[in-house]
């Protein structure tokens, strides 16, 4: 049982690492004229196609969902993916990327509180300590601590909306898993509904022209979807079978650390003392959340 739990935690960590690599694909696509919403639409529609093809070949019974359970997938697709992107993209137009990132990563706090009520997950001292350490670490990584960032009330409200939307994927996925749906089915319907929602904000014709403009761009688009969406969402949802929502959300907070390190390695962004401190704190929080002393039952 412990080996299965360890494997599930690795899945969660792998998802966070792969999500952190998203910038390696997003920047080249953005440089070719795709807006943020265009990229989200490309991500959603290609994921739907890939997952649909996989289910068609491997087991068409996974297309089957009960009408009474459709709210789970509307939750992951619209309330999570579309809502969090809507808030997040609005956030980055009214404040800095660092402030937007730190507010987005209030998600683990939302996950912990909601999961305590909905799934009776315990708010232990270790979870709360890990959450606090990770959040302070993210503040250092993004420059909110150690910099001169300020947050307006409007930015705070919209940023918290992004964090809530981000958190809701774990919540609605858990409900879907408890109803017997596979991670494949959950991912397919999540992005099917997400593509329906994001098409309202994107330019599909432009997305098609750019993503198919050359063999290099086709490979880039396919790699973007596989690396930053299909694989991480599959393994993250699979990992939720054996890992509590709150713990999973803290482990996945490795994402901005990986994103920051990728920026330093591939885009020659500067490594400051605050980033170094932040990386250490986030990793410490992830390690801490995997400790389970017997007396930590509060």
C-alpha atoms as a PDB file:
ATOM      1  CA  UNK A   1       0.000   0.000   0.000  1.00  0.00           C
ATOM      2  CA  UNK A   2       2.881   2.358   0.852  1.00  0.00           C
ATOM      3  CA  UNK A   3       4.497   1.642  -2.522  1.00  0.00           C
ATOM      4  CA  UNK A   4       1.240   2.567  -4.285  1.00  0.00           C
ATOM      5  CA  UNK A   5       1.027   5.817  -2.290  1.00  0.00           C
ATOM      6  CA  UNK A   6       4.669   6.614  -3.104  1.00  0.00           C
ATOM      7  CA  UNK A   7       3.989   6.003  -6.784  1.00  0.00           C
ATOM      8  CA  UNK A   8       0.957   8.303  -6.649  1.00  0.00           C
ATOM      9  CA  UNK A   9       3.034  11.055  -5.040  1.00  0.00           C
ATOM     10  CA  UNK A  10       5.589  10.655  -7.826  1.00  0.00           C
ATOM     11  CA  UNK A  11       2.766  11.082 -10.358  1.00  0.00           C
ATOM     12  CA  UNK A  12       1.718  14.329  -8.648  1.00  0.00           C
ATOM     13  CA  UNK A  13       5.327  15.582  -8.603  1.00  0.00           C
ATOM     14  CA  UNK A  14       5.790  14.628 -12.264  1.00  0.00           C
ATOM     15  CA  UNK A  15       2.643  16.572 -13.179  1.00  0.00           C
ATOM     16  CA  UNK A  16       3.968  19.668 -11.406  1.00  0.00           C
ATOM     17  CA  UNK A  17       7.337  19.351 -13.161  1.00  0.00           C
ATOM     18  CA  UNK A  18       5.713  19.005 -16.593  1.00  0.00           C
ATOM     19  CA  UNK A  19       3.336  21.928 -15.956  1.00  0.00           C
ATOM     20  CA  UNK A  20       6.414  23.944 -15.039  1.00  0.00           C
ATOM     21  CA  UNK A  21       7.798  23.305 -18.542  1.00  0.00           C
ATOM     22  CA  UNK A  22       4.821  24.988 -20.204  1.00  0.00           C
ATOM     23  CA  UNK A  23       6.699  28.228 -20.807  1.00  0.00           C
ATOM     24  CA  UNK A  24       9.140  26.418 -23.104  1.00  0.00           C
ATOM     25  CA  UNK A  25       6.245  25.964 -25.547  1.00  0.00           C
ATOM     26  CA  UNK A  26       4.066  28.978 -24.776  1.00  0.00           C
ATOM     27  CA  UNK A  27       6.735  31.584 -25.517  1.00  0.00           C
ATOM     28  CA  UNK A  28       7.471  30.369 -29.079  1.00  0.00           C
ATOM     29  CA  UNK A  29       3.738  30.155 -29.842  1.00  0.00           C
ATOM     30  CA  UNK A  30       3.173  33.623 -28.395  1.00  0.00           C
ATOM     31  CA  UNK A  31       6.092  34.960 -30.461  1.00  0.00           C
ATOM     32  CA  UNK A  32       4.259  33.749 -33.561  1.00  0.00           C
ATOM     33  CA  UNK A  33       1.208  35.851 -32.771  1.00  0.00           C
ATOM     34  CA  UNK A  34      -1.050  33.597 -30.694  1.00  0.00           C
ATOM     35  CA  UNK A  35      -2.739  35.294 -27.739  1.00  0.00           C
ATOM     36  CA  UNK A  36      -3.019  33.653 -24.325  1.00  0.00           C
ATOM     37  CA  UNK A  37      -6.598  32.588 -25.069  1.00  0.00           C
ATOM     38  CA  UNK A  38      -5.553  31.197 -28.465  1.00  0.00           C
ATOM     39  CA  UNK A  39      -2.945  29.057 -26.710  1.00  0.00           C
ATOM     40  CA  UNK A  40      -5.434  27.840 -24.103  1.00  0.00           C
ATOM     41  CA  UNK A  41      -7.866  26.916 -26.892  1.00  0.00           C
ATOM     42  CA  UNK A  42      -5.126  25.090 -28.822  1.00  0.00           C
ATOM     43  CA  UNK A  43      -4.219  23.216 -25.658  1.00  0.00           C
ATOM     44  CA  UNK A  44      -7.830  22.269 -24.925  1.00  0.00           C
ATOM     45  CA  UNK A  45      -8.901  21.212 -28.417  1.00  0.00           C
ATOM     46  CA  UNK A  46      -5.786  19.148 -29.159  1.00  0.00           C
ATOM     47  CA  UNK A  47      -6.007  17.459 -25.758  1.00  0.00           C
ATOM     48  CA  UNK A  48      -9.629  16.561 -26.498  1.00  0.00           C
ATOM     49  CA  UNK A  49      -8.590  15.072 -29.859  1.00  0.00           C
ATOM     50  CA  UNK A  50      -5.663  13.120 -28.407  1.00  0.00           C
ATOM     51  CA  UNK A  51      -7.642  11.771 -25.458  1.00  0.00           C
ATOM     52  CA  UNK A  52     -10.634  10.988 -27.670  1.00  0.00           C
ATOM     53  CA  UNK A  53      -8.430   9.046 -30.091  1.00  0.00           C
ATOM     54  CA  UNK A  54      -6.790   7.150 -27.243  1.00  0.00           C
ATOM     55  CA  UNK A  55     -10.158   6.149 -25.780  1.00  0.00           C
ATOM     56  CA  UNK A  56     -11.495   5.189 -29.233  1.00  0.00           C
ATOM     57  CA  UNK A  57      -8.584   2.782 -29.736  1.00  0.00           C
ATOM     58  CA  UNK A  58      -8.150   1.407 -26.208  1.00  0.00           C
ATOM     59  CA  UNK A  59     -11.665   1.243 -24.796  1.00  0.00           C
ATOM     60  CA  UNK A  60     -14.687   3.084 -26.122  1.00  0.00           C
ATOM     61  CA  UNK A  61     -16.625   2.275 -22.960  1.00  0.00           C
ATOM     62  CA  UNK A  62     -14.647   5.095 -21.325  1.00  0.00           C
ATOM     63  CA  UNK A  63     -16.669   7.570 -23.366  1.00  0.00           C
ATOM     64  CA  UNK A  64     -19.680   6.599 -21.268  1.00  0.00           C
ATOM     65  CA  UNK A  65     -20.708   8.949 -18.468  1.00  0.00           C
ATOM     66  CA  UNK A  66     -23.976   9.212 -16.599  1.00  0.00           C
ATOM     67  CA  UNK A  67     -26.053  12.335 -17.180  1.00  0.00           C
ATOM     68  CA  UNK A  68     -26.372  12.799 -13.414  1.00  0.00           C
ATOM     69  CA  UNK A  69     -22.541  12.975 -13.173  1.00  0.00           C
ATOM     70  CA  UNK A  70     -21.997  15.532 -15.928  1.00  0.00           C
ATOM     71  CA  UNK A  71     -21.642  18.281 -13.308  1.00  0.00           C
ATOM     72  CA  UNK A  72     -18.264  16.785 -12.315  1.00  0.00           C
ATOM     73  CA  UNK A  73     -16.895  17.421 -15.802  1.00  0.00           C
ATOM     74  CA  UNK A  74     -18.550  20.792 -16.173  1.00  0.00           C
ATOM     75  CA  UNK A  75     -16.748  21.592 -12.918  1.00  0.00           C
ATOM     76  CA  UNK A  76     -13.295  20.495 -14.108  1.00  0.00           C
ATOM     77  CA  UNK A  77     -13.729  21.958 -17.589  1.00  0.00           C
ATOM     78  CA  UNK A  78     -15.639  25.217 -17.121  1.00  0.00           C
ATOM     79  CA  UNK A  79     -15.412  26.154 -13.443  1.00  0.00           C
ATOM     80  CA  UNK A  80     -11.766  25.128 -13.217  1.00  0.00           C
ATOM     81  CA  UNK A  81      -9.930  25.354 -16.564  1.00  0.00           C
ATOM     82  CA  UNK A  82     -11.940  28.169 -18.180  1.00  0.00           C
ATOM     83  CA  UNK A  83     -12.673  30.184 -15.028  1.00  0.00           C
ATOM     84  CA  UNK A  84      -9.121  30.055 -13.697  1.00  0.00           C
ATOM     85  CA  UNK A  85      -7.676  31.041 -17.084  1.00  0.00           C
ATOM     86  CA  UNK A  86     -10.195  33.885 -17.418  1.00  0.00           C
ATOM     87  CA  UNK A  87      -9.194  35.239 -13.998  1.00  0.00           C
ATOM     88  CA  UNK A  88      -5.488  34.593 -14.480  1.00  0.00           C
ATOM     89  CA  UNK A  89      -5.225  36.264 -17.873  1.00  0.00           C
ATOM     90  CA  UNK A  90      -7.173  39.253 -16.574  1.00  0.00           C
ATOM     91  CA  UNK A  91      -4.864  39.336 -13.558  1.00  0.00           C
ATOM     92  CA  UNK A  92      -1.699  39.580 -15.637  1.00  0.00           C
ATOM     93  CA  UNK A  93      -3.130  42.631 -17.442  1.00  0.00           C
ATOM     94  CA  UNK A  94      -3.619  44.595 -14.208  1.00  0.00           C
ATOM     95  CA  UNK A  95      -0.629  43.496 -12.135  1.00  0.00           C
ATOM     96  CA  UNK A  96       2.800  41.882 -12.475  1.00  0.00           C
ATOM     97  CA  UNK A  97       3.407  38.258 -13.398  1.00  0.00           C
ATOM     98  CA  UNK A  98       4.929  37.627  -9.972  1.00  0.00           C
ATOM     99  CA  UNK A  99       1.852  38.882  -8.104  1.00  0.00           C
ATOM    100  CA  UNK A 100      -0.402  36.904 -10.453  1.00  0.00           C
ATOM    101  CA  UNK A 101       1.640  33.757  -9.834  1.00  0.00           C
ATOM    102  CA  UNK A 102       1.628  34.033  -6.048  1.00  0.00           C
ATOM    103  CA  UNK A 103      -2.139  34.644  -5.952  1.00  0.00           C
ATOM    104  CA  UNK A 104      -2.708  31.696  -8.304  1.00  0.00           C
ATOM    105  CA  UNK A 105      -0.869  29.526  -5.812  1.00  0.00           C
ATOM    106  CA  UNK A 106      -3.313  30.252  -3.056  1.00  0.00           C
ATOM    107  CA  UNK A 107      -4.910  27.181  -4.667  1.00  0.00           C
ATOM    108  CA  UNK A 108      -3.494  24.680  -2.113  1.00  0.00           C
ATOM    109  CA  UNK A 109      -5.155  26.644   0.700  1.00  0.00           C
ATOM    110  CA  UNK A 110      -8.505  26.517  -1.126  1.00  0.00           C
ATOM    111  CA  UNK A 111      -8.032  22.793  -1.792  1.00  0.00           C
ATOM    112  CA  UNK A 112      -7.295  22.060   1.868  1.00  0.00           C
ATOM    113  CA  UNK A 113     -10.281  23.984   3.214  1.00  0.00           C
ATOM    114  CA  UNK A 114     -12.765  22.674   0.628  1.00  0.00           C
ATOM    115  CA  UNK A 115     -11.475  19.106   0.998  1.00  0.00           C
ATOM    116  CA  UNK A 116     -11.847  19.301   4.784  1.00  0.00           C
ATOM    117  CA  UNK A 117     -15.561  20.019   4.330  1.00  0.00           C
ATOM    118  CA  UNK A 118     -16.303  17.885   1.252  1.00  0.00           C
ATOM    119  CA  UNK A 119     -14.068  14.860   1.811  1.00  0.00           C
ATOM    120  CA  UNK A 120     -13.355  15.032   5.558  1.00  0.00           C
ATOM    121  CA  UNK A 121      -9.603  15.417   4.980  1.00  0.00           C
ATOM    122  CA  UNK A 122      -7.843  16.435   8.198  1.00  0.00           C
ATOM    123  CA  UNK A 123      -6.169  19.833   8.453  1.00  0.00           C
ATOM    124  CA  UNK A 124      -3.092  18.530  10.287  1.00  0.00           C
ATOM    125  CA  UNK A 125      -0.305  20.647  11.725  1.00  0.00           C
ATOM    126  CA  UNK A 126       2.131  19.243   9.160  1.00  0.00           C
ATOM    127  CA  UNK A 127      -0.151  20.138   6.233  1.00  0.00           C
ATOM    128  CA  UNK A 128      -0.620  23.679   7.506  1.00  0.00           C
ATOM    129  CA  UNK A 129       3.111  24.096   8.175  1.00  0.00           C
ATOM    130  CA  UNK A 130       3.974  22.737   4.712  1.00  0.00           C
ATOM    131  CA  UNK A 131       1.414  25.056   3.135  1.00  0.00           C
ATOM    132  CA  UNK A 132       2.843  28.071   4.961  1.00  0.00           C
ATOM    133  CA  UNK A 133       6.463  27.243   4.091  1.00  0.00           C
ATOM    134  CA  UNK A 134       5.615  26.578   0.432  1.00  0.00           C
ATOM    135  CA  UNK A 135       3.610  29.795   0.128  1.00  0.00           C
ATOM    136  CA  UNK A 136       6.413  31.895   1.645  1.00  0.00           C
ATOM    137  CA  UNK A 137       8.818  30.140  -0.723  1.00  0.00           C
ATOM    138  CA  UNK A 138       6.635  31.044  -3.706  1.00  0.00           C
ATOM    139  CA  UNK A 139       6.549  34.654  -2.512  1.00  0.00           C
ATOM    140  CA  UNK A 140      10.358  34.659  -2.636  1.00  0.00           C
ATOM    141  CA  UNK A 141      10.476  32.923  -6.043  1.00  0.00           C
ATOM    142  CA  UNK A 142       8.068  35.428  -7.598  1.00  0.00           C
ATOM    143  CA  UNK A 143       9.689  38.452  -5.976  1.00  0.00           C
ATOM    144  CA  UNK A 144       6.680  39.458  -3.876  1.00  0.00           C
ATOM    145  CA  UNK A 145       9.069  39.130  -0.913  1.00  0.00           C
ATOM    146  CA  UNK A 146      12.425  40.727  -1.593  1.00  0.00           C
ATOM    147  CA  UNK A 147      10.995  43.017  -4.271  1.00  0.00           C
ATOM    148  CA  UNK A 148       8.808  46.100  -4.419  1.00  0.00           C
ATOM    149  CA  UNK A 149       5.495  44.546  -5.481  1.00  0.00           C
ATOM    150  CA  UNK A 150       2.150  46.028  -4.397  1.00  0.00           C
ATOM    151  CA  UNK A 151      -1.332  44.514  -4.694  1.00  0.00           C
ATOM    152  CA  UNK A 152      -4.562  46.453  -5.277  1.00  0.00           C
ATOM    153  CA  UNK A 153      -7.924  45.244  -3.975  1.00  0.00           C
ATOM    154  CA  UNK A 154      -9.074  44.473  -7.531  1.00  0.00           C
ATOM    155  CA  UNK A 155      -5.949  42.461  -8.302  1.00  0.00           C
ATOM    156  CA  UNK A 156      -6.291  40.595  -5.010  1.00  0.00           C
ATOM    157  CA  UNK A 157      -9.925  39.651  -5.709  1.00  0.00           C
ATOM    158  CA  UNK A 158      -9.295  38.480  -9.290  1.00  0.00           C
ATOM    159  CA  UNK A 159      -6.094  36.677  -8.283  1.00  0.00           C
ATOM    160  CA  UNK A 160      -7.916  34.788  -5.541  1.00  0.00           C
ATOM    161  CA  UNK A 161     -10.523  33.859  -8.162  1.00  0.00           C
ATOM    162  CA  UNK A 162      -7.738  32.322 -10.257  1.00  0.00           C
ATOM    163  CA  UNK A 163      -6.501  30.397  -7.220  1.00  0.00           C
ATOM    164  CA  UNK A 164     -10.009  29.120  -6.479  1.00  0.00           C
ATOM    165  CA  UNK A 165     -10.553  28.068 -10.094  1.00  0.00           C
ATOM    166  CA  UNK A 166      -7.188  26.287 -10.135  1.00  0.00           C
ATOM    167  CA  UNK A 167      -8.112  24.466  -6.935  1.00  0.00           C
ATOM    168  CA  UNK A 168     -11.462  23.266  -8.235  1.00  0.00           C
ATOM    169  CA  UNK A 169      -9.851  20.768 -10.616  1.00  0.00           C
ATOM    170  CA  UNK A 170      -8.731  18.652  -7.659  1.00  0.00           C
ATOM    171  CA  UNK A 171     -12.159  18.915  -6.031  1.00  0.00           C
ATOM    172  CA  UNK A 172     -14.299  17.980  -9.032  1.00  0.00           C
ATOM    173  CA  UNK A 173     -11.797  15.318 -10.156  1.00  0.00           C
ATOM    174  CA  UNK A 174     -12.073  13.672  -6.754  1.00  0.00           C
ATOM    175  CA  UNK A 175     -15.851  13.527  -7.104  1.00  0.00           C
ATOM    176  CA  UNK A 176     -15.479  11.975 -10.577  1.00  0.00           C
ATOM    177  CA  UNK A 177     -12.946   9.413  -9.311  1.00  0.00           C
ATOM    178  CA  UNK A 178     -15.267   8.437  -6.471  1.00  0.00           C
ATOM    179  CA  UNK A 179     -17.978   7.765  -9.071  1.00  0.00           C
ATOM    180  CA  UNK A 180     -15.718   5.273 -10.816  1.00  0.00           C
ATOM    181  CA  UNK A 181     -14.452   7.316 -13.779  1.00  0.00           C
ATOM    182  CA  UNK A 182     -10.894   6.805 -15.023  1.00  0.00           C
ATOM    183  CA  UNK A 183      -8.308   9.554 -15.303  1.00  0.00           C
ATOM    184  CA  UNK A 184      -8.595   9.188 -19.095  1.00  0.00           C
ATOM    185  CA  UNK A 185     -12.344   9.819 -19.072  1.00  0.00           C
ATOM    186  CA  UNK A 186     -11.972  12.757 -16.687  1.00  0.00           C
ATOM    187  CA  UNK A 187      -9.250  14.373 -18.821  1.00  0.00           C
ATOM    188  CA  UNK A 188     -11.236  13.896 -22.047  1.00  0.00           C
ATOM    189  CA  UNK A 189     -14.441  15.495 -20.800  1.00  0.00           C
ATOM    190  CA  UNK A 190     -12.565  18.191 -18.877  1.00  0.00           C
ATOM    191  CA  UNK A 191     -10.942  19.487 -22.050  1.00  0.00           C
ATOM    192  CA  UNK A 192     -13.970  18.856 -24.226  1.00  0.00           C
ATOM    193  CA  UNK A 193     -15.954  21.303 -22.092  1.00  0.00           C
ATOM    194  CA  UNK A 194     -12.921  23.583 -21.715  1.00  0.00           C
ATOM    195  CA  UNK A 195     -12.532  23.825 -25.504  1.00  0.00           C
ATOM    196  CA  UNK A 196     -16.221  24.746 -25.786  1.00  0.00           C
ATOM    197  CA  UNK A 197     -15.693  27.510 -23.233  1.00  0.00           C
ATOM    198  CA  UNK A 198     -12.399  28.907 -24.525  1.00  0.00           C
ATOM    199  CA  UNK A 199     -13.516  29.062 -28.163  1.00  0.00           C
ATOM    200  CA  UNK A 200     -15.578  32.108 -27.145  1.00  0.00           C
ATOM    201  CA  UNK A 201     -12.380  34.026 -26.321  1.00  0.00           C
ATOM    202  CA  UNK A 202      -9.996  32.651 -28.983  1.00  0.00           C
ATOM    203  CA  UNK A 203      -9.455  33.026 -32.718  1.00  0.00           C
ATOM    204  CA  UNK A 204      -9.693  29.426 -34.030  1.00  0.00           C
ATOM    205  CA  UNK A 205      -8.714  30.388 -37.600  1.00  0.00           C
ATOM    206  CA  UNK A 206      -5.508  32.000 -36.394  1.00  0.00           C
ATOM    207  CA  UNK A 207      -4.767  29.051 -34.090  1.00  0.00           C
ATOM    208  CA  UNK A 208      -5.060  26.713 -37.094  1.00  0.00           C
ATOM    209  CA  UNK A 209      -2.885  28.879 -39.333  1.00  0.00           C
ATOM    210  CA  UNK A 210      -0.082  29.212 -36.787  1.00  0.00           C
ATOM    211  CA  UNK A 211      -0.085  25.654 -35.403  1.00  0.00           C
ATOM    212  CA  UNK A 212      -0.009  24.111 -38.902  1.00  0.00           C
ATOM    213  CA  UNK A 213       2.215  26.732 -40.525  1.00  0.00           C
ATOM    214  CA  UNK A 214       5.229  24.422 -40.794  1.00  0.00           C
ATOM    215  CA  UNK A 215       6.409  20.975 -39.724  1.00  0.00           C
ATOM    216  CA  UNK A 216       8.335  22.610 -36.884  1.00  0.00           C
ATOM    217  CA  UNK A 217       5.197  24.346 -35.591  1.00  0.00           C
ATOM    218  CA  UNK A 218       3.155  21.137 -35.872  1.00  0.00           C
ATOM    219  CA  UNK A 219       5.765  19.285 -33.803  1.00  0.00           C
ATOM    220  CA  UNK A 220       5.898  22.175 -31.320  1.00  0.00           C
ATOM    221  CA  UNK A 221       2.089  22.190 -30.929  1.00  0.00           C
ATOM    222  CA  UNK A 222       1.890  18.420 -30.475  1.00  0.00           C
ATOM    223  CA  UNK A 223       4.771  18.399 -27.994  1.00  0.00           C
ATOM    224  CA  UNK A 224       3.181  21.314 -26.097  1.00  0.00           C
ATOM    225  CA  UNK A 225      -0.076  19.438 -25.660  1.00  0.00           C
ATOM    226  CA  UNK A 226       1.503  16.096 -24.763  1.00  0.00           C
ATOM    227  CA  UNK A 227       4.082  17.478 -22.332  1.00  0.00           C
ATOM    228  CA  UNK A 228       2.102  20.271 -20.654  1.00  0.00           C
ATOM    229  CA  UNK A 229      -1.416  18.836 -20.706  1.00  0.00           C
ATOM    230  CA  UNK A 230      -2.134  15.223 -21.692  1.00  0.00           C
ATOM    231  CA  UNK A 231       0.550  13.524 -19.603  1.00  0.00           C
ATOM    232  CA  UNK A 232       0.447  15.791 -16.507  1.00  0.00           C
ATOM    233  CA  UNK A 233      -3.356  15.835 -16.229  1.00  0.00           C
ATOM    234  CA  UNK A 234      -3.513  12.062 -16.638  1.00  0.00           C
ATOM    235  CA  UNK A 235      -0.863  11.356 -14.009  1.00  0.00           C
ATOM    236  CA  UNK A 236      -2.145  14.053 -11.626  1.00  0.00           C
ATOM    237  CA  UNK A 237      -5.687  12.675 -11.741  1.00  0.00           C
ATOM    238  CA  UNK A 238      -4.319   9.135 -11.354  1.00  0.00           C
ATOM    239  CA  UNK A 239      -2.270  10.278  -8.363  1.00  0.00           C
ATOM    240  CA  UNK A 240      -5.373  11.668  -6.647  1.00  0.00           C
ATOM    241  CA  UNK A 241      -6.593   8.089  -6.202  1.00  0.00           C
ATOM    242  CA  UNK A 242      -4.058   7.521  -3.416  1.00  0.00           C
ATOM    243  CA  UNK A 243      -3.080  11.050  -2.323  1.00  0.00           C
ATOM    244  CA  UNK A 244      -5.271  13.511  -0.428  1.00  0.00           C
ATOM    245  CA  UNK A 245      -6.231  16.662  -2.327  1.00  0.00           C
ATOM    246  CA  UNK A 246      -4.438  18.999   0.090  1.00  0.00           C
ATOM    247  CA  UNK A 247      -1.199  17.050   0.022  1.00  0.00           C
ATOM    248  CA  UNK A 248      -1.333  16.746  -3.775  1.00  0.00           C
ATOM    249  CA  UNK A 249      -1.777  20.492  -4.237  1.00  0.00           C
ATOM    250  CA  UNK A 250       1.323  21.227  -2.139  1.00  0.00           C
ATOM    251  CA  UNK A 251       3.439  18.655  -3.999  1.00  0.00           C
ATOM    252  CA  UNK A 252       2.316  20.149  -7.337  1.00  0.00           C
ATOM    253  CA  UNK A 253       3.499  23.587  -6.185  1.00  0.00           C
ATOM    254  CA  UNK A 254       6.883  22.569  -7.584  1.00  0.00           C
ATOM    255  CA  UNK A 255       5.464  23.922 -10.870  1.00  0.00           C
ATOM    256  CA  UNK A 256       6.527  27.599 -10.487  1.00  0.00           C
ATOM    257  CA  UNK A 257       9.930  26.495  -9.207  1.00  0.00           C
ATOM    258  CA  UNK A 258      10.492  24.448 -12.368  1.00  0.00           C
ATOM    259  CA  UNK A 259       9.150  27.330 -14.470  1.00  0.00           C
ATOM    260  CA  UNK A 260      11.612  29.706 -12.798  1.00  0.00           C
ATOM    261  CA  UNK A 261      14.541  27.325 -13.285  1.00  0.00           C
ATOM    262  CA  UNK A 262      13.593  26.859 -16.947  1.00  0.00           C
ATOM    263  CA  UNK A 263      13.604  30.633 -17.350  1.00  0.00           C
ATOM    264  CA  UNK A 264      17.101  30.799 -15.892  1.00  0.00           C
ATOM    265  CA  UNK A 265      18.465  27.864 -17.929  1.00  0.00           C
ATOM    266  CA  UNK A 266      16.793  28.426 -21.306  1.00  0.00           C
ATOM    267  CA  UNK A 267      15.930  32.143 -21.392  1.00  0.00           C
ATOM    268  CA  UNK A 268      18.903  33.457 -19.402  1.00  0.00           C
ATOM    269  CA  UNK A 269      16.771  35.057 -16.705  1.00  0.00           C
ATOM    270  CA  UNK A 270      18.655  36.132 -13.588  1.00  0.00           C
ATOM    271  CA  UNK A 271      19.008  33.940 -10.489  1.00  0.00           C
ATOM    272  CA  UNK A 272      18.696  36.162  -7.410  1.00  0.00           C
ATOM    273  CA  UNK A 273      19.151  35.323  -3.745  1.00  0.00           C
ATOM    274  CA  UNK A 274      15.389  35.520  -3.222  1.00  0.00           C
ATOM    275  CA  UNK A 275      14.754  32.928  -5.934  1.00  0.00           C
ATOM    276  CA  UNK A 276      17.318  30.588  -4.381  1.00  0.00           C
ATOM    277  CA  UNK A 277      15.725  30.957  -0.935  1.00  0.00           C
ATOM    278  CA  UNK A 278      12.270  30.457  -2.429  1.00  0.00           C
ATOM    279  CA  UNK A 279      13.243  27.263  -4.249  1.00  0.00           C
ATOM    280  CA  UNK A 280      14.656  25.802  -1.036  1.00  0.00           C
ATOM    281  CA  UNK A 281      11.519  26.713   0.930  1.00  0.00           C
ATOM    282  CA  UNK A 282       9.117  25.273  -1.660  1.00  0.00           C
ATOM    283  CA  UNK A 283      11.059  22.020  -1.830  1.00  0.00           C
ATOM    284  CA  UNK A 284      11.146  21.927   1.988  1.00  0.00           C
ATOM    285  CA  UNK A 285       7.372  22.295   2.067  1.00  0.00           C
ATOM    286  CA  UNK A 286       6.981  19.403  -0.366  1.00  0.00           C
ATOM    287  CA  UNK A 287       9.248  17.205   1.756  1.00  0.00           C
ATOM    288  CA  UNK A 288       7.421  18.218   4.930  1.00  0.00           C
ATOM    289  CA  UNK A 289       3.998  17.331   3.550  1.00  0.00           C
ATOM    290  CA  UNK A 290       5.237  13.763   3.029  1.00  0.00           C
ATOM    291  CA  UNK A 291       6.109  13.308   6.700  1.00  0.00           C
ATOM    292  CA  UNK A 292       3.515  11.481   8.770  1.00  0.00           C
ATOM    293  CA  UNK A 293       4.396  11.384  12.478  1.00  0.00           C
ATOM    294  CA  UNK A 294       1.850   9.327  14.418  1.00  0.00           C
ATOM    295  CA  UNK A 295       1.070  12.144  16.843  1.00  0.00           C
ATOM    296  CA  UNK A 296       0.086  14.607  14.136  1.00  0.00           C
ATOM    297  CA  UNK A 297      -3.653  14.091  14.261  1.00  0.00           C
ATOM    298  CA  UNK A 298      -4.799  17.630  14.881  1.00  0.00           C
END
